[in-house]
Amino acid sequence: MGRAVQEVDSIWRAINPWGKFQLFQLFLNLLDFSPACFAILSAVFTGYIPDYSCDVPELGDNDTSLHDNFTYKASQCSYDVYKHVGNASMFVETRKCEKFKFSYELSYAYEWNLVCDRANLAALAQSLALAGQGLGALVMSHLADRFGRKTVHVLSHLGVMVTMIIMAFSYNIVMLLALRLVAGTFQQGIVCTGKILALEMFPREVRSHTEVATFLSWSVGIMVLTVFGYAFQGLDWRYLQLGLAAFSIYALFEWWMLEESIRWLISNGKVETAKRILRKATRWNGVDYKPTEEIMDQCVQAPSVESDRSDSSDTEMDTFGNKKETLLGEEKPKPDNVEKCSKTVEKYTVVDILKNPALRVNTIILWYSWIVATGTYYGLTLVSSHLAGDRFVNFFLSGVIEVPPLLLEIYLFNKIGRKNTMILWFATAGLSLIISTTLLTVFEDNAWETVANIFSLIGKAASTGSFSTVFLYTPEIYPTNYRNSGLGIASSISRIGGILAPFVSNLALIALWIPGAIFGGMCLLVVVLALRLPESATHELPSTIAECDKWERDTVSSSDATHDSSSEEGEKLH
């Protein structure tokens, strides 16, 4: 028989939710998102494809002795051969370009001629990084639920650092492509475990702030990467690669600085280790350890409470339309910082989740939402990267534009809830992109094109918000020993959107409005589906599937109660 788990939130409240210990641990997490960003997006600068043209022969055709009788007309990837006959020129053939002239010669795109018929190799470098993310989201998240968040997180960071160093010594494009796949795999080990570590370290009333903080740190990573790219632009790409890897030197010492998730330790019976960390936390925060240990013992040793409809009698509706419950049969009231117990924590797999009717529906909706969020985010980023102007400024601004919606989420997550915030962002993204598409289609003058671009930027900002929201909401609806796996599988499936995004974005070459129309329609479908999801803002993170079931029943009951109340009021009016 495993141990029962009390709400761990009560422990964090007892030692001060924003104490020095938590802030330092959060800082380490946030710092790690920069190398995670470098691992995926560094190719924007190391593999930069500059302007190029075909380098045609200057003196004539080596296949004939009549050099002066031939001229050449070059395009980007080929050149036409013309033979002079008297005063006339006769077309002979089109030849593939063997050499190229580049406007910039310090990227691996120049080193290995990744243009024309080899341009697919440059695209493959990014696609393999995304494929690695999908693989890493599945494997690393599962390992994090089994062996701990900290273990996988630190090893993944070291893996990214070592892979980035080796990448700088790649002797051909095949080696580089293989290392991009490996880097993407380790990158997800950092991202998924980092978000869960941050999420599980704060009580529910402030845990949404950690998602905003982690996504903001990703946006800052984009800006930092731009600074690195600008500073190293006069050097060979290998030096930039080594500079980005050097940023992660502190990973060698991170094992002794970062602590494991208390929630994961308790759920897996590692109580003594959890107490050791709590002693350190109370010392850092200047809080007496003894009361915290008492709460800890109650969390671990308290008897389980069956999650049944009869568990509660008096119900009260909260601001999100969910029930607030009071347990029956209590001989004396509990202290404010000690809350209800949950059933014994069990190990879960995706099969267990999909067998449960409520979780199955919610999971499928979230998987689709992830695909749309990822496809929209990366798709619009790829489209914006082709805008005119300085490439460093454009990339830097792509990080800056993500900041306003993330700051707004600090207010929205607790004010209107996760579900409504998710609906708001997807609706804003969908409508903005459709409006932009309509303006580009109907009007052709520059003034309306500017207005359309403004709506497109609003859509890009909203897509950032929607991506951030699904990152927060997804782990909140799953039990503890499936939480990292649930986030990882959703993130892995979302790579479908990331892989399709370049192809959808390429449709802009046919008509600029096509990507916006596709992404906008998909966003609006998420809005409709998300109405089915439960609200997570007012709930403790569930420990078991039974708690998820009870949560679902309460959500349905509260919706029915609200509907009945509205019906009664309507009857009275009539």
Foldseek 3Di string as FASTA:
>chain_A
DFWWFFQCQLLCVQLDQPFPLLVLQLVVLLLLLLLLLCLQPVCVQQVPAADKWFDDDDQADPVDPPRVQWDWATGRFWIWIWGDDPPDIHTDDIGTGPDMDGPAQQHVCNVAVCDDVNVVLSVLLNLLLLLLLLLLLQPLLLVCLVPFLLVLQLVLLVQLLVLLLVLLVDPHSVSNSVSSNSNSNSSNSSVLSSLVLQQLSHFLQQSLLSLLSNLLSNLVSLLVSLVLSVVCRVHHSSVSSNVSSVSSPCSVVVSVSHATRLVSCLLVVVLVSSLVVSVVSSVSRVHDSVVSVVLSCCRGHPDADFLDPPQFDDWDQDPQLFTDGDGPDDPDDDPPSTDHIHDRFDADDVVVQCVDVLSVLVLVLLLLLLLLLQLLQLLLVVLQCPDDDDNSVSSSVLSVLQNVLSVVVSVVCQPNFLLVQLLVLLLLLLVLLVVLLVLQVPDDDPVSPVVSVVSSSSNNNSSSSNNSSSLVPQLQLDASSCSSSRSSNSSSSSSVSVSCSVVQSVCVVVPVSRSSNVSSVSSNVSSVSSVLDATRSPDRRHHDVSVSVSSNVRRVVSVVVVVVVVVVVVVVVD
